[in-house]
Amino acid sequence: MVTINVRRLDADVVDRLKQRASHNNRSLEGEVRHILECAADDMATKRAAFGETMKRLRPLTEGRKHTPAEVLIREDRDHGHRDNF
């Protein structure tokens, strides 16, 4: 097991975590561990789903000419679309 220290959390965040932990019948440490495990699992699930989508799409675009991303970005910026953000 690894230990992680989180410094400089706002007292309000800690209070909300304590409330959440109490609601879920966990200690503060147990609640934070649960949140981190869920976040890590969610990231792994999304990454795997993205990989599967790419596997399905690659054959559909095989042999087609692709415009490099930097060209598309430059065209977008040259047309002033960046000003809307």
Foldseek 3Di string as FASTA:
>chain_A
DDDDDDPDDDPVVLVVLCVVCVVVVHHSVVSVVVVVVVVVVVVVVVVVVVVVVCVVCCVVCPPPDDDDPVVVVVVCVVVPVVVVD
